Amino acid sequence: MKIKPVKALGLLLVFVLLTIITQVGGILFLFWLPIGILINRKLKDSLQRKIAKPLSFIGLYAVATFTIIPLLAKPFGRVPMPIGSTSHIQPLTVWTCLLNRHYVRPTLKKTIEKVAGQMNTAFPGTQIAYLDANFPFMNGFPLIPHLSHNDGKKLDIAFFYKRASTDERLNGLAPSWMGYGVHEGPLKGEVNMPNECANKGNWQYGFMERIIPQYKKEVMPFDGERTRAIISLLVAQPAVSKIFIEPHLKVRLRLNSQKIRFHGCQAVRHDDHIHVQIR
């Protein structure tokens, strides 16, 4: 069966996009293509085909993501972070898991589980909400837009927040739906790296703030007490080699460890999350 050039280009674009976004989606798309061809042959009604084809791919992708991919990732030294709210750890958004961006080295997972237990002892009921980690396979495969999440050794953790009206400690929530882009910026007199980086021409440094809605910032203020506590606990873990946050928060939260570093103007702002990496 001949494939028209325009259709071939469309299939190629789907493959590339799914691979960039999820790493495994492009390969699963290739496995699904015979199913799509069979649906075209068996279903004469165009509406039925339009419904059956995406649903069949979603089903294949979901089964592979939650059953097959975790098994295949083990030989690559990667394990998935908890999908539900287990071990006092949860993804901030389920999309992190659906896109297979929640894989780490076993040592990193164990480290976060230990810290989560310690946090829950100090602040009962606390849940660590993680953001992007790494893809399941291959060192060096980029996790766009991150510069370094490509070896299973990195994990982003959301800051902690409170409810402004009651001062209640919140869990599994952030003022940004994706955890990035709503910043705890420098106060007057603090080091202002966002301005310094912008003045150096690093336009991407504060880009997320320009595209992420900011309306929850006032009703969900930064919880400095618990955020300082988790960073201190992470610093104390022998496996942890680096932590990235903005310099003004390191000073404000009275954090002195040499493990806590500035990530550089070539990256993006880190006053909306904690970047943790192991040796």
Protein backbone atom coordinates (compact mmCIF):
# COMPACT_ATOMS: atom_id res chain seq x y z
CA MET A 1 0.00 0.00 0.00
CA LYS A 2 1.41 3.34 -1.10
CA ILE A 3 1.34 6.25 1.34
CA LYS A 4 0.87 9.74 -0.07
CA PRO A 5 3.77 12.14 0.67
CA VAL A 6 1.56 14.51 2.67
CA LYS A 7 0.25 11.66 4.81
CA ALA A 8 3.77 10.27 5.28
CA LEU A 9 4.95 13.69 6.45
CA GLY A 10 2.03 13.86 8.89
CA LEU A 11 2.87 10.44 10.32
CA LEU A 12 6.52 11.47 10.67
CA LEU A 13 5.56 14.63 12.53
CA VAL A 14 3.34 12.66 14.92
CA PHE A 15 6.21 10.23 15.55
CA VAL A 16 8.68 13.06 16.22
CA LEU A 17 6.34 15.00 18.51
CA LEU A 18 5.39 11.95 20.56
CA THR A 19 9.06 11.04 20.91
CA ILE A 20 10.06 14.54 22.02
CA ILE A 21 7.24 14.83 24.54
CA THR A 22 7.18 11.32 26.00
CA GLN A 23 10.28 9.51 24.65
CA VAL A 24 8.30 6.27 24.14
CA GLY A 25 5.22 7.63 22.37
CA GLY A 26 6.78 7.56 18.93
CA ILE A 27 7.71 3.88 19.18
CA LEU A 28 4.26 3.03 20.51
CA PHE A 29 2.78 4.95 17.60
CA LEU A 30 4.68 2.68 15.18
CA PHE A 31 3.30 -0.38 17.00
CA TRP A 32 -0.19 1.11 16.74
CA LEU A 33 -0.10 1.84 12.98
CA PRO A 34 -1.20 -1.71 11.96
CA ILE A 35 -4.12 -1.35 14.37
CA GLY A 36 -5.05 1.94 12.71
CA ILE A 37 -4.91 0.31 9.27
CA LEU A 38 -7.12 -2.55 10.51
CA ILE A 39 -9.65 -0.06 11.89
CA ASN A 40 -9.77 1.69 8.51
CA ARG A 41 -10.52 -1.63 6.82
CA LYS A 42 -13.10 -2.92 9.30
CA LEU A 43 -15.06 0.26 9.99
CA LYS A 44 -16.80 1.82 7.03
CA ASP A 45 -18.32 4.71 8.96
CA SER A 46 -15.90 7.69 9.07
CA LEU A 47 -17.18 8.89 12.46
CA GLN A 48 -16.59 5.47 13.98
CA ARG A 49 -13.06 5.45 12.59
CA LYS A 50 -12.37 8.93 13.99
CA ILE A 51 -13.44 7.73 17.43
CA ALA A 52 -11.91 4.24 17.37
CA LYS A 53 -8.44 5.23 16.15
CA PRO A 54 -7.49 7.74 18.89
CA LEU A 55 -9.14 5.61 21.57
CA SER A 56 -7.20 2.54 20.50
CA PHE A 57 -3.91 4.45 20.58
CA ILE A 58 -4.70 5.94 23.99
CA GLY A 59 -5.48 2.46 25.28
CA LEU A 60 -2.24 1.03 23.92
CA TYR A 61 -0.24 3.96 25.29
CA ALA A 62 -1.84 3.72 28.75
CA VAL A 63 -1.27 -0.05 29.05
CA ALA A 64 2.35 0.32 27.98
CA THR A 65 3.00 3.34 30.22
CA PHE A 66 1.75 1.75 33.41
CA THR A 67 2.69 -1.91 32.91
CA ILE A 68 5.38 -2.48 30.28
CA ILE A 69 7.58 0.66 30.40
CA PRO A 70 8.40 0.36 34.15
CA LEU A 71 9.65 -3.19 33.58
CA LEU A 72 11.72 -2.25 30.54
CA ALA A 73 13.22 0.74 32.37
CA LYS A 74 14.79 -1.37 35.13
CA PRO A 75 17.76 -2.61 33.06
CA PHE A 76 18.48 1.05 32.28
CA GLY A 77 18.73 1.80 36.00
CA ARG A 78 15.49 3.78 36.13
CA VAL A 79 12.43 3.33 38.33
CA PRO A 80 9.21 5.36 38.37
CA MET A 81 8.42 7.73 41.20
CA PRO A 82 5.11 6.96 42.98
CA ILE A 83 2.10 7.66 40.83
CA GLY A 84 -0.39 7.99 43.69
CA SER A 85 0.06 9.63 47.08
CA THR A 86 2.17 6.80 48.53
CA SER A 87 5.13 7.08 50.92
CA HIS A 88 4.18 10.74 51.48
CA ILE A 89 5.16 11.46 47.85
CA GLN A 90 2.97 12.32 44.90
CA PRO A 91 3.20 13.97 41.49
CA LEU A 92 1.91 17.54 41.49
CA THR A 93 0.13 16.72 38.24
CA VAL A 94 -0.72 13.32 36.77
CA TRP A 95 0.57 14.55 33.42
CA THR A 96 4.13 14.06 34.67
CA CYS A 97 3.43 10.32 34.87
CA LEU A 98 1.29 10.10 31.75
CA LEU A 99 4.17 11.62 29.77
CA ASN A 100 6.72 9.24 31.34
CA ARG A 101 8.70 12.11 32.88
CA HIS A 102 8.80 10.57 36.37
CA TYR A 103 11.73 8.14 36.18
CA VAL A 104 14.79 8.30 38.45
CA ARG A 105 17.68 6.17 39.67
CA PRO A 106 16.70 3.85 42.56
CA THR A 107 19.09 5.72 44.87
CA LEU A 108 17.32 9.00 44.19
CA LYS A 109 13.91 7.45 44.80
CA LYS A 110 15.05 5.96 48.11
CA THR A 111 16.55 9.29 49.14
CA ILE A 112 13.31 11.15 48.47
CA GLU A 113 11.30 8.48 50.30
CA LYS A 114 13.57 8.86 53.34
CA VAL A 115 13.23 12.64 53.30
CA ALA A 116 9.45 12.36 52.83
CA GLY A 117 9.26 10.23 55.98
CA GLN A 118 11.34 12.74 57.92
CA MET A 119 9.18 15.61 56.69
CA ASN A 120 6.04 13.77 57.73
CA THR A 121 7.47 13.27 61.21
CA ALA A 122 8.29 16.96 61.55
CA PHE A 123 5.10 18.17 59.82
CA PRO A 124 2.42 15.45 60.02
CA GLY A 125 0.42 15.00 56.86
CA THR A 126 3.00 16.59 54.61
CA GLN A 127 3.19 15.26 51.06
CA ILE A 128 6.17 15.96 48.82
CA ALA A 129 4.94 16.95 45.35
CA TYR A 130 7.43 16.22 42.61
CA LEU A 131 7.61 17.76 39.15
CA ASP A 132 9.76 16.64 36.22
CA ALA A 133 12.32 13.89 36.74
CA ASN A 134 13.69 11.98 33.72
CA PHE A 135 12.56 9.72 30.89
CA PRO A 136 12.76 5.92 31.38
CA PHE A 137 15.53 5.13 28.89
CA MET A 138 18.95 6.23 27.65
CA ASN A 139 21.38 8.66 29.23
CA GLY A 140 21.65 11.84 27.23
CA PHE A 141 18.11 11.80 25.81
CA PRO A 142 16.85 15.37 26.43
CA LEU A 143 13.84 16.08 28.62
CA ILE A 144 12.77 19.32 26.98
CA PRO A 145 12.92 22.11 28.17
CA HIS A 146 15.39 21.01 30.87
CA LEU A 147 19.12 21.23 30.26
CA SER A 148 20.23 18.32 32.45
CA HIS A 149 17.36 15.93 33.25
CA ASN A 150 18.80 13.19 31.06
CA ASP A 151 20.48 10.57 33.28
CA GLY A 152 17.97 9.61 35.99
CA LYS A 153 19.87 11.58 38.63
CA LYS A 154 17.71 14.71 38.70
CA LEU A 155 14.33 15.53 40.19
CA ASP A 156 12.39 18.76 40.58
CA ILE A 157 10.33 19.19 43.75
CA ALA A 158 7.59 21.77 44.20
CA PHE A 159 7.83 24.36 46.93
CA PHE A 160 5.39 24.14 49.81
CA TYR A 161 2.53 26.61 50.10
CA LYS A 162 -0.15 27.75 52.54
CA ARG A 163 -3.71 28.96 52.25
CA ALA A 164 -3.66 32.71 52.78
CA SER A 165 -7.09 32.94 54.38
CA THR A 166 -6.47 30.30 57.09
CA ASP A 167 -2.67 29.79 57.13
CA GLU A 168 -3.39 26.08 56.51
CA ARG A 169 -0.47 24.05 55.20
CA LEU A 170 -1.28 22.76 51.73
CA ASN A 171 -0.13 19.48 50.16
CA GLY A 172 -0.01 18.47 46.54
CA LEU A 173 -0.94 21.98 45.43
CA ALA A 174 0.92 24.91 43.93
CA PRO A 175 -0.15 28.29 42.53
CA SER A 176 0.80 26.99 39.09
CA TRP A 177 -1.01 23.93 37.72
CA MET A 178 2.33 22.54 36.48
CA GLY A 179 4.45 23.65 39.45
CA TYR A 180 6.59 26.01 37.39
CA GLY A 181 6.20 29.69 36.57
CA VAL A 182 4.81 31.29 39.75
CA HIS A 183 7.90 32.59 41.52
CA GLU A 184 8.80 33.57 45.08
CA GLY A 185 10.78 36.51 43.78
CA PRO A 186 13.46 38.67 45.40
CA LEU A 187 12.39 41.17 48.02
CA LYS A 188 13.84 44.66 48.24
CA GLY A 189 17.49 44.41 49.21
CA GLU A 190 17.87 40.76 48.14
CA VAL A 191 20.07 39.55 45.31
CA ASN A 192 18.03 39.80 42.13
CA MET A 193 19.41 37.22 39.72
CA PRO A 194 16.30 37.31 37.49
CA ASN A 195 17.04 40.96 36.68
CA GLU A 196 20.76 40.34 36.32
CA CYS A 197 20.21 37.42 33.96
CA ALA A 198 17.65 39.36 31.92
CA ASN A 199 20.07 42.28 31.63
CA LYS A 200 22.66 39.85 30.24
CA GLY A 201 20.27 38.93 27.46
CA ASN A 202 19.04 35.60 28.84
CA TRP A 203 15.44 36.06 27.72
CA GLN A 204 14.44 32.51 28.67
CA TYR A 205 15.32 32.98 32.35
CA GLY A 206 11.91 34.38 33.34
CA PHE A 207 9.95 33.10 30.36
CA MET A 208 7.64 30.82 32.35
CA GLU A 209 6.27 33.73 34.37
CA ARG A 210 5.06 35.34 31.15
CA ILE A 211 3.00 32.33 30.05
CA ILE A 212 1.74 30.86 33.35
CA PRO A 213 -1.30 32.52 35.02
CA GLN A 214 -0.37 34.29 38.26
CA TYR A 215 -3.81 34.76 39.82
CA LYS A 216 -3.29 32.18 42.62
CA LYS A 217 -0.11 33.77 43.94
CA GLU A 218 -1.85 35.93 46.56
CA VAL A 219 -4.19 33.21 47.86
CA MET A 220 -1.47 30.54 48.02
CA PRO A 221 1.62 32.10 49.62
CA PHE A 222 5.03 30.46 49.87
CA ASP A 223 5.57 28.22 52.93
CA GLY A 224 9.15 29.10 53.83
CA GLU A 225 9.22 26.94 56.97
CA ARG A 226 8.56 23.61 55.28
CA THR A 227 10.54 24.53 52.17
CA ARG A 228 13.57 25.33 54.31
CA ALA A 229 13.07 22.07 56.21
CA ILE A 230 13.00 19.86 53.13
CA ILE A 231 16.06 21.52 51.62
CA SER A 232 17.93 21.05 54.90
CA LEU A 233 16.97 17.37 54.97
CA LEU A 234 18.02 16.92 51.34
CA VAL A 235 21.37 18.55 52.03
CA ALA A 236 21.97 16.05 54.84
CA GLN A 237 21.59 13.07 52.48
CA PRO A 238 25.00 11.64 51.41
CA ALA A 239 23.67 10.74 47.95
CA VAL A 240 22.65 14.32 47.16
CA SER A 241 25.37 16.26 45.36
CA LYS A 242 23.65 19.47 44.26
CA ILE A 243 20.53 21.50 44.94
CA PHE A 244 19.54 24.46 42.79
CA ILE A 245 17.47 27.36 44.11
CA GLU A 246 17.73 31.10 43.55
CA PRO A 247 20.45 32.88 45.59
CA HIS A 248 17.96 35.20 47.29
CA LEU A 249 16.06 32.22 48.71
CA LYS A 250 19.25 30.57 49.93
CA VAL A 251 19.97 33.73 51.95
CA ARG A 252 16.39 34.31 53.07
CA LEU A 253 15.96 30.73 54.28
CA ARG A 254 19.36 30.78 56.04
CA LEU A 255 20.76 27.84 54.06
CA ASN A 256 24.55 27.68 54.08
CA SER A 257 25.47 24.33 52.53
CA GLN A 258 27.90 24.28 49.62
CA LYS A 259 25.59 21.75 47.97
CA ILE A 260 23.11 24.58 47.36
CA ARG A 261 24.24 26.37 44.24
CA PHE A 262 23.23 28.87 41.58
CA HIS A 263 22.34 27.12 38.34
CA GLY A 264 23.44 29.89 35.99
CA CYS A 265 21.70 32.37 33.71
CA GLN A 266 21.60 29.84 30.85
CA ALA A 267 18.84 27.95 32.69
CA VAL A 268 15.49 29.24 34.00
CA ARG A 269 14.46 30.65 37.36
CA HIS A 270 14.58 28.35 40.37
CA ASP A 271 12.44 30.30 42.81
CA ASP A 272 9.40 28.18 42.01
CA HIS A 273 10.89 24.72 42.62
CA ILE A 274 13.85 22.79 44.05
CA HIS A 275 16.19 20.96 41.71
CA VAL A 276 17.80 17.94 43.39
CA GLN A 277 20.46 15.70 41.91
CA ILE A 278 22.51 12.80 43.19
CA ARG A 279 26.13 11.83 42.58
